[in-house]
């Protein structure tokens, strides 16, 4: 293995020149002296390898650069910036930038940290190993810049249901370009983005077209940033949507819902809208309201109902968006309608019970008769031959049979 040897006189002369030089030049001469000394002592670099990794860091944070030597033989390690200025030579820092600090120095590693990283620090940093020939590799520092500002703008502060509005979100000055995602409540929507580049920085504007309904009132529209330098960065605006009233008629009295002659009817009109309706109006379709009907705010009261009050009653409510209504159909029953119905219900129940008992009794009787006839099947009783047991022959038996000759003619049987 060959060595590079410099005359000792040259080294002495260089040291003397460094000592006598002005302060501004003294540092450079000292560095040169270190290089000459290293060159005089370093053997060839056969079998040595430099190792490093690229670094990605968020602006304002700390980047760590590591120059490592595999199979080290005590060769000198040096770190240079993208302008090829020496940051560290062994454990000595010639560069007057205090953001660079030595983390570790040994024969096999030179590790340096760079604090408060800015976009201007991005680029290639060189690791050099003073062998013969010299070895050099580079590591790249990539600086991520989160958006400087995130703004959301809605075309109209107040929209009307069914209207299409435009919503814009802008993420300014980021690196790389930001991806913008849209949400309405928990539902993700799709917008259209445009990217503008300026001096290695990117401004992204996303546009969302949204058709709103009454269910969107008070719902947040969220602009969320998807960027490697930041998490959970978002801004939002709440939708304000005006909509026409929603009307519902509530039967307050009678509670059972059966309206009979002489009873009182009370209806309540419930109307909700934005803006809130300030008044409601009661009308009767195809006729005027009964003279004894009383309207009090949103309530309609009709005392002493009769069948002339039958009809459809409508509650109308309106605001600046529109008008809506709800209908209630009144039918007045006879005064005893409820009682008659209950009596008929009782009668039907009694009749049904009696019929069920009769049917059950008949079934039981049929079962008993069926069992009786099944047991006596084939048994016959006759008095035709009574008194003929002692006859000598068949003709005598017929003659002596009870009933005399007359009956014998009627009861005679013939055998073949």
Protein backbone atom coordinates (compact mmCIF):
# COMPACT_ATOMS: atom_id res chain seq x y z
CA UNK A 1 0.00 0.00 0.00
CA UNK A 2 1.59 3.29 -1.12
CA UNK A 3 1.62 6.47 0.94
CA UNK A 4 1.72 10.11 -0.10
CA UNK A 5 4.61 11.92 1.68
CA UNK A 6 5.18 15.71 1.75
CA UNK A 7 8.47 17.32 2.75
CA UNK A 8 8.50 18.39 6.36
CA UNK A 9 9.85 21.79 5.31
CA UNK A 10 6.71 22.51 3.35
CA UNK A 11 4.56 21.76 6.35
CA UNK A 12 6.67 23.98 8.59
CA UNK A 13 6.53 26.82 6.12
CA UNK A 14 2.78 26.51 5.87
CA UNK A 15 2.45 26.54 9.66
CA UNK A 16 4.62 29.65 9.93
CA UNK A 17 2.60 31.41 7.25
CA UNK A 18 -0.64 30.57 9.04
CA UNK A 19 0.66 32.00 12.32
CA UNK A 20 1.73 35.27 10.70
CA UNK A 21 -1.37 35.73 8.51
CA UNK A 22 -4.13 38.24 9.29
CA UNK A 23 -7.07 36.81 11.29
CA UNK A 24 -9.34 36.65 8.23
CA UNK A 25 -6.84 34.58 6.28
CA UNK A 26 -5.55 32.60 9.23
CA UNK A 27 -8.58 30.26 9.28
CA UNK A 28 -8.21 29.38 5.60
CA UNK A 29 -4.48 28.68 5.98
CA UNK A 30 -5.14 26.53 9.01
CA UNK A 31 -7.67 24.48 7.04
CA UNK A 32 -5.18 24.13 4.21
CA UNK A 33 -2.58 22.94 6.68
CA UNK A 34 -4.97 20.30 7.99
CA UNK A 35 -5.62 19.11 4.44
CA UNK A 36 -1.91 18.91 3.69
CA UNK A 37 -1.30 17.00 6.90
CA UNK A 38 -4.12 14.58 6.09
CA UNK A 39 -2.81 14.08 2.57
CA UNK A 40 0.64 13.28 3.98
CA UNK A 41 -0.71 10.62 6.31
CA UNK A 42 -3.65 9.03 4.47
CA UNK A 43 -3.00 5.74 2.71
CA UNK A 44 -4.91 4.68 -0.39
CA UNK A 45 -8.63 3.98 0.08
CA UNK A 46 -8.86 0.44 -1.24
CA UNK A 47 -11.87 -1.35 0.21
CA UNK A 48 -13.44 1.72 1.88
CA UNK A 49 -17.00 2.82 1.18
CA UNK A 50 -18.96 5.97 2.08
CA UNK A 51 -22.59 5.57 3.14
CA UNK A 52 -25.28 8.22 3.61
CA UNK A 53 -29.04 8.68 3.25
CA UNK A 54 -31.28 11.37 1.85
CA UNK A 55 -33.03 13.57 4.38
CA UNK A 56 -36.59 14.94 4.26
CA UNK A 57 -37.44 17.57 6.85
CA UNK A 58 -40.24 20.03 7.54
CA UNK A 59 -39.32 23.70 7.39
CA UNK A 60 -38.24 24.98 10.79
CA UNK A 61 -37.30 21.56 12.14
CA UNK A 62 -33.91 19.76 12.46
CA UNK A 63 -32.13 17.85 9.70
CA UNK A 64 -29.39 15.36 10.54
CA UNK A 65 -26.72 14.50 7.96
CA UNK A 66 -24.62 11.38 8.49
CA UNK A 67 -21.43 10.46 6.59
CA UNK A 68 -20.41 6.91 7.51
CA UNK A 69 -17.41 4.87 6.45
CA UNK A 70 -17.55 1.14 5.94
CA UNK A 71 -14.23 -0.65 6.52
CA UNK A 72 -12.64 2.52 7.92
CA UNK A 73 -8.82 2.92 8.00
CA UNK A 74 -8.82 6.29 9.82
CA UNK A 75 -9.13 8.36 6.64
CA UNK A 76 -10.30 11.97 7.07
CA UNK A 77 -14.05 12.66 6.58
CA UNK A 78 -15.31 16.01 5.33
CA UNK A 79 -18.85 17.44 4.84
CA UNK A 80 -19.59 20.16 2.24
CA UNK A 81 -22.71 22.21 1.53
CA UNK A 82 -24.40 22.58 -1.92
CA UNK A 83 -21.96 25.43 -2.72
CA UNK A 84 -19.12 23.03 -1.92
CA UNK A 85 -18.08 25.01 1.13
CA UNK A 86 -16.64 22.90 3.94
CA UNK A 87 -19.08 22.56 6.82
CA UNK A 88 -16.98 20.16 8.90
CA UNK A 89 -13.46 18.83 8.41
CA UNK A 90 -13.16 16.03 10.91
CA UNK A 91 -14.49 17.71 14.09
CA UNK A 92 -13.53 21.23 13.01
CA UNK A 93 -16.21 23.62 11.59
CA UNK A 94 -14.76 26.26 9.25
CA UNK A 95 -18.21 27.51 8.11
CA UNK A 96 -19.53 30.34 10.24
CA UNK A 97 -23.09 29.05 10.50
CA UNK A 98 -23.94 28.12 14.08
CA UNK A 99 -27.03 26.19 12.94
CA UNK A 100 -24.62 23.34 12.03
CA UNK A 101 -23.64 21.40 15.14
CA UNK A 102 -21.49 18.30 15.53
CA UNK A 103 -23.54 15.35 16.79
CA UNK A 104 -20.93 12.60 16.51
CA UNK A 105 -17.41 12.26 15.22
CA UNK A 106 -15.30 9.10 15.00
CA UNK A 107 -13.06 7.32 12.55
CA UNK A 108 -16.16 5.76 10.94
CA UNK A 109 -18.78 8.54 11.14
CA UNK A 110 -19.29 12.28 10.88
CA UNK A 111 -22.80 13.26 11.95
CA UNK A 112 -23.99 16.87 11.81
CA UNK A 113 -27.33 18.49 12.67
CA UNK A 114 -28.84 21.52 10.96
CA UNK A 115 -31.41 23.38 13.06
CA UNK A 116 -34.20 25.71 11.91
CA UNK A 117 -34.12 24.39 8.35
CA UNK A 118 -35.38 26.76 5.65
CA UNK A 119 -36.20 26.28 1.99
CA UNK A 120 -32.80 27.82 1.10
CA UNK A 121 -31.04 24.88 2.80
CA UNK A 122 -32.46 22.42 0.29
CA UNK A 123 -30.00 20.71 -2.06
CA UNK A 124 -27.08 18.26 -2.25
CA UNK A 125 -24.59 17.91 0.62
CA UNK A 126 -21.32 16.08 -0.11
CA UNK A 127 -19.49 13.56 2.03
CA UNK A 128 -15.80 13.27 1.14
CA UNK A 129 -13.21 10.74 2.27
CA UNK A 130 -9.56 11.70 1.83
CA UNK A 131 -8.14 8.58 0.30
CA UNK A 132 -6.12 8.09 -2.85
CA UNK A 133 -8.08 8.56 -5.00
CA UNK A 134 -10.60 10.58 -2.87
CA UNK A 135 -14.15 9.19 -2.43
CA UNK A 136 -17.28 11.31 -2.56
CA UNK A 137 -21.03 10.74 -2.32
CA UNK A 138 -23.90 13.14 -1.76
CA UNK A 139 -27.07 13.26 0.27
CA UNK A 140 -30.10 15.36 -0.68
CA UNK A 141 -31.99 17.45 1.83
CA UNK A 142 -35.63 17.96 0.82
CA UNK A 143 -37.52 20.64 2.72
CA UNK A 144 -41.30 20.34 3.09
CA UNK A 145 -43.25 23.56 3.52
CA UNK A 146 -46.81 23.42 4.91
CA UNK A 147 -49.38 25.88 3.56
CA UNK A 148 -48.80 29.37 4.93
CA UNK A 149 -52.51 30.05 5.13
CA UNK A 150 -55.77 28.22 4.52
CA UNK A 151 -58.82 30.25 3.60
CA UNK A 152 -62.40 29.26 2.74
CA UNK A 153 -64.84 31.57 1.04
CA UNK A 154 -68.56 31.12 0.30
CA UNK A 155 -70.10 32.98 -2.60
CA UNK A 156 -73.19 33.97 -0.57
CA UNK A 157 -73.45 34.26 3.20
CA UNK A 158 -77.12 33.23 3.03
CA UNK A 159 -78.51 30.89 0.37
CA UNK A 160 -82.04 29.83 -0.51
CA UNK A 161 -83.03 26.15 -0.69
CA UNK A 162 -82.54 24.71 -4.16
CA UNK A 163 -79.91 27.32 -5.03
CA UNK A 164 -76.43 26.40 -6.30
CA UNK A 165 -73.60 28.22 -4.55
CA UNK A 166 -69.84 28.36 -5.09
CA UNK A 167 -67.38 27.62 -2.29
CA UNK A 168 -63.61 28.19 -2.68
CA UNK A 169 -60.68 27.07 -0.54
CA UNK A 170 -57.10 28.34 -1.00
CA UNK A 171 -53.91 26.82 0.45
CA UNK A 172 -51.07 29.30 -0.02
CA UNK A 173 -47.31 28.79 -0.52
CA UNK A 174 -46.72 25.12 0.18
CA UNK A 175 -44.12 22.63 -1.04
CA UNK A 176 -45.02 20.24 -2.57
CA UNK A 177 -48.44 21.26 -3.87
CA UNK A 178 -51.30 20.64 -1.45
CA UNK A 179 -54.20 18.27 -2.09
CA UNK A 180 -57.52 19.77 -0.92
CA UNK A 181 -60.43 17.57 0.16
CA UNK A 182 -64.02 18.69 0.73
CA UNK A 183 -66.58 17.52 3.29
CA UNK A 184 -70.17 18.54 3.97
CA UNK A 185 -70.74 17.26 7.47
CA UNK A 186 -69.38 13.70 7.34
CA UNK A 187 -69.92 13.27 3.59
CA UNK A 188 -66.92 13.77 1.28
CA UNK A 189 -67.51 15.81 -1.86
CA UNK A 190 -65.45 16.40 -5.00
CA UNK A 191 -64.09 19.80 -5.98
CA UNK A 192 -62.01 21.14 -8.86
CA UNK A 193 -58.46 22.30 -8.08
CA UNK A 194 -56.01 24.66 -9.82
CA UNK A 195 -52.27 24.85 -8.98
CA UNK A 196 -50.12 27.98 -9.32
CA UNK A 197 -46.33 27.73 -8.98
CA UNK A 198 -44.13 30.61 -7.89
CA UNK A 199 -40.45 30.34 -6.91
CA UNK A 200 -40.61 26.61 -6.08
CA UNK A 201 -43.72 27.20 -3.97
CA UNK A 202 -47.28 26.20 -4.84
CA UNK A 203 -50.65 27.83 -4.22
CA UNK A 204 -53.69 25.58 -4.70
CA UNK A 205 -57.28 26.78 -5.08
CA UNK A 206 -60.17 24.31 -5.05
CA UNK A 207 -63.71 25.15 -6.16
CA UNK A 208 -66.83 23.34 -4.96
CA UNK A 209 -70.29 23.80 -6.51
CA UNK A 210 -73.01 22.95 -4.02
CA UNK A 211 -76.81 22.79 -4.35
CA UNK A 212 -78.27 23.41 -0.90
CA UNK A 213 -81.51 22.30 0.73
CA UNK A 214 -83.21 23.01 4.04
CA UNK A 215 -81.42 20.01 5.59
CA UNK A 216 -78.08 21.79 4.94
CA UNK A 217 -78.86 24.73 7.21
CA UNK A 218 -76.26 24.82 9.99
CA UNK A 219 -74.15 22.05 8.42
CA UNK A 220 -70.38 22.76 8.21
CA UNK A 221 -68.54 22.76 4.88
CA UNK A 222 -64.98 21.64 5.63
CA UNK A 223 -61.81 22.28 3.58
CA UNK A 224 -59.14 19.76 4.63
CA UNK A 225 -55.46 19.80 3.61
CA UNK A 226 -53.68 16.60 2.61
CA UNK A 227 -49.94 17.42 2.80
CA UNK A 228 -46.88 15.48 4.09
CA UNK A 229 -45.73 18.43 6.21
CA UNK A 230 -48.90 18.86 8.25
CA UNK A 231 -51.69 16.79 9.82
CA UNK A 232 -55.30 17.73 10.54
CA UNK A 233 -55.06 21.18 8.97
CA UNK A 234 -58.55 22.33 8.03
CA UNK A 235 -60.93 25.23 8.02
CA UNK A 236 -64.72 25.33 7.81
CA UNK A 237 -67.78 27.50 7.28
CA UNK A 238 -71.32 26.82 8.38
CA UNK A 239 -74.04 26.98 5.73
CA UNK A 240 -76.97 29.31 6.27
CA UNK A 241 -79.94 28.24 4.18
CA UNK A 242 -83.35 29.88 4.06
CA UNK A 243 -86.33 27.63 3.33
CA UNK A 244 -90.12 27.94 3.14
CA UNK A 245 -92.22 26.84 6.12
CA UNK A 246 -92.97 23.25 7.02
CA UNK A 247 -96.60 23.10 8.29
CA UNK A 248 -98.28 20.46 10.46
CA UNK A 249 -101.75 20.50 12.08
CA UNK A 250 -101.96 19.00 15.57
CA UNK A 251 -105.38 17.87 16.98
CA UNK A 252 -105.37 19.24 20.53
CA UNK A 253 -108.99 18.40 21.47
CA UNK A 254 -110.78 15.99 21.62
CA UNK A 255 -107.83 13.75 22.53
CA UNK A 256 -109.49 10.52 21.34
CA UNK A 257 -110.02 12.05 17.88
CA UNK A 258 -113.81 11.34 17.68
CA UNK A 259 -115.68 14.59 16.99
CA UNK A 260 -119.39 14.43 17.92
CA UNK A 261 -122.20 16.93 17.88
CA UNK A 262 -121.94 19.36 20.76
CA UNK A 263 -118.23 18.73 21.33
CA UNK A 264 -115.39 21.27 21.03
CA UNK A 265 -112.69 21.06 18.36
CA UNK A 266 -109.27 22.64 18.89
CA UNK A 267 -106.53 22.52 16.23
CA UNK A 268 -102.96 23.85 16.55
CA UNK A 269 -100.92 24.85 13.49
CA UNK A 270 -97.18 24.19 13.82
CA UNK A 271 -95.05 26.06 11.25
CA UNK A 272 -91.24 25.98 11.08
CA UNK A 273 -89.19 27.86 8.48
CA UNK A 274 -86.22 30.14 7.97
CA UNK A 275 -86.91 32.93 8.52
CA UNK A 276 -89.54 31.83 11.01
CA UNK A 277 -93.11 32.63 9.84
CA UNK A 278 -94.49 35.52 11.91
CA UNK A 279 -98.14 34.55 11.43
CA UNK A 280 -100.37 31.75 10.13
CA UNK A 281 -103.78 31.89 8.48
CA UNK A 282 -106.77 29.54 8.93
CA UNK A 283 -109.25 29.04 6.07
CA UNK A 284 -112.03 26.61 5.22
CA UNK A 285 -111.94 25.17 1.72
CA UNK A 286 -115.07 25.74 -0.42
CA UNK A 287 -116.75 27.72 2.37
CA UNK A 288 -116.25 30.36 5.05
CA UNK A 289 -115.17 29.58 8.58
CA UNK A 290 -118.15 28.91 10.88
CA UNK A 291 -119.37 32.01 12.70
CA UNK A 292 -118.73 30.35 16.06
CA UNK A 293 -115.11 29.48 15.09
CA UNK A 294 -112.40 31.41 16.96
CA UNK A 295 -108.85 31.91 15.61
CA UNK A 296 -106.25 32.70 18.23
CA UNK A 297 -102.73 32.94 16.85
CA UNK A 298 -101.93 29.50 15.46
CA UNK A 299 -104.97 27.85 17.13
CA UNK A 300 -108.44 27.22 15.67
CA UNK A 301 -111.29 26.65 18.18
CA UNK A 302 -114.84 25.54 17.21
CA UNK A 303 -117.34 25.12 20.07
CA UNK A 304 -120.64 23.22 19.99
CA UNK A 305 -119.88 21.24 16.83
CA UNK A 306 -122.68 20.33 14.43
CA UNK A 307 -122.76 18.64 11.06
CA UNK A 308 -122.78 21.96 9.22
CA UNK A 309 -119.18 22.38 10.40
CA UNK A 310 -118.03 19.44 8.29
CA UNK A 311 -115.35 20.29 5.75
CA UNK A 312 -111.62 20.72 5.16
CA UNK A 313 -109.76 23.30 7.24
CA UNK A 314 -106.42 24.60 6.01
CA UNK A 315 -103.53 26.25 7.88
CA UNK A 316 -101.29 28.46 5.71
CA UNK A 317 -97.88 29.86 6.67
CA UNK A 318 -95.45 31.96 4.64
CA UNK A 319 -92.09 33.72 4.77
CA UNK A 320 -89.82 35.45 2.25
CA UNK A 321 -88.98 32.12 0.61
CA UNK A 322 -92.49 30.82 -0.03
CA UNK A 323 -95.85 29.57 1.29
CA UNK A 324 -96.87 26.13 2.56
CA UNK A 325 -100.04 24.63 4.05
CA UNK A 326 -101.51 21.60 5.79
CA UNK A 327 -105.16 20.35 5.74
CA UNK A 328 -107.46 18.77 8.33
CA UNK A 329 -110.78 17.17 7.33
CA UNK A 330 -113.54 17.46 9.95
CA UNK A 331 -116.46 15.01 10.13
CA UNK A 332 -118.97 15.47 12.95
CA UNK A 333 -120.67 12.27 14.20
CA UNK A 334 -124.02 11.88 15.98
CA UNK A 335 -123.96 12.66 19.67
CA UNK A 336 -124.38 8.94 20.58
CA UNK A 337 -122.04 7.64 17.90
CA UNK A 338 -119.49 6.52 20.37
CA UNK A 339 -122.04 4.85 22.69
CA UNK A 340 -123.86 3.02 19.85
CA UNK A 341 -120.58 1.75 18.59
CA UNK A 342 -119.66 0.44 22.01
CA UNK A 343 -123.10 -1.26 22.42
CA UNK A 344 -122.79 -2.87 19.03
CA UNK A 345 -119.36 -4.03 19.95
CA UNK A 346 -120.69 -5.65 23.15
CA UNK A 347 -123.60 -7.33 21.30
CA UNK A 348 -121.28 -8.77 18.74
CA UNK A 349 -119.10 -10.17 21.47
CA UNK A 350 -122.01 -11.85 23.29
CA UNK A 351 -123.43 -13.33 20.10
CA UNK A 352 -120.04 -14.65 19.14
CA UNK A 353 -119.65 -16.31 22.55
CA UNK A 354 -123.06 -18.02 22.37
CA UNK A 355 -122.41 -19.32 18.88
CA UNK A 356 -119.08 -20.72 19.99
CA UNK A 357 -120.70 -22.60 22.92
CA UNK A 358 -123.45 -24.08 20.71
CA UNK A 359 -120.95 -25.24 18.10
CA UNK A 360 -118.83 -26.84 20.81
CA UNK A 361 -121.86 -28.69 22.31
CA UNK A 362 -122.88 -30.02 18.90
CA UNK A 363 -119.40 -31.29 18.24
CA UNK A 364 -119.35 -33.09 21.56
CA UNK A 365 -122.77 -34.72 20.84
CA UNK A 366 -121.65 -35.90 17.42
CA UNK A 367 -118.56 -37.46 18.94
CA UNK A 368 -120.61 -39.35 21.59
CA UNK A 369 -123.15 -40.69 19.04
CA UNK A 370 -120.39 -41.78 16.74
CA UNK A 371 -118.70 -43.77 19.49
CA UNK A 372 -122.05 -45.47 20.50
CA UNK A 373 -122.94 -46.64 16.96
CA UNK A 374 -119.44 -47.91 16.44
CA UNK A 375 -119.76 -50.26 19.45
CA UNK A 376 -123.22 -51.78 18.47
CA UNK A 377 -122.63 -52.24 14.79
CA UNK A 378 -124.23 -55.61 13.37
CA UNK A 379 -126.49 -56.45 16.39
CA UNK A 380 -130.19 -57.08 15.44
CA UNK A 381 -133.25 -58.00 17.54
CA UNK A 382 -136.37 -59.76 15.92
CA UNK A 383 -139.53 -61.43 17.19
CA UNK A 384 -140.47 -63.22 13.97
CA UNK A 385 -139.44 -66.76 15.15
CA UNK A 386 -140.68 -66.47 18.75
CA UNK A 387 -142.70 -69.61 19.78
CA UNK A 388 -141.41 -71.85 16.96
CA UNK A 389 -138.50 -73.44 18.76
CA UNK A 390 -140.40 -76.77 19.40
CA UNK A 391 -141.74 -77.28 15.84
CA UNK A 392 -141.00 -80.63 14.11
CA UNK A 393 -140.27 -79.09 10.76
CA UNK A 394 -140.03 -75.73 9.06
CA UNK A 395 -143.65 -75.61 7.85
CA UNK A 396 -144.97 -76.32 11.33
CA UNK A 397 -142.66 -73.68 12.78
CA UNK A 398 -144.07 -71.11 10.37
CA UNK A 399 -147.63 -72.04 11.26
CA UNK A 400 -146.95 -71.99 15.05
CA UNK A 401 -144.98 -68.72 14.89
CA UNK A 402 -146.47 -65.83 16.86
CA UNK A 403 -148.86 -63.90 14.78
CA UNK A 404 -150.75 -66.84 13.27
CA UNK A 405 -151.31 -67.66 9.62
CA UNK A 406 -151.91 -64.11 8.60
CA UNK A 407 -148.51 -62.97 9.70
CA UNK A 408 -146.90 -65.96 8.12
CA UNK A 409 -147.91 -64.76 4.73
CA UNK A 410 -146.34 -61.41 5.38
CA UNK A 411 -143.18 -62.72 7.03
CA UNK A 412 -142.48 -65.70 4.78
CA UNK A 413 -138.92 -65.94 3.56
CA UNK A 414 -137.70 -67.93 0.61
CA UNK A 415 -134.32 -69.66 0.47
CA UNK A 416 -132.63 -70.83 -2.68
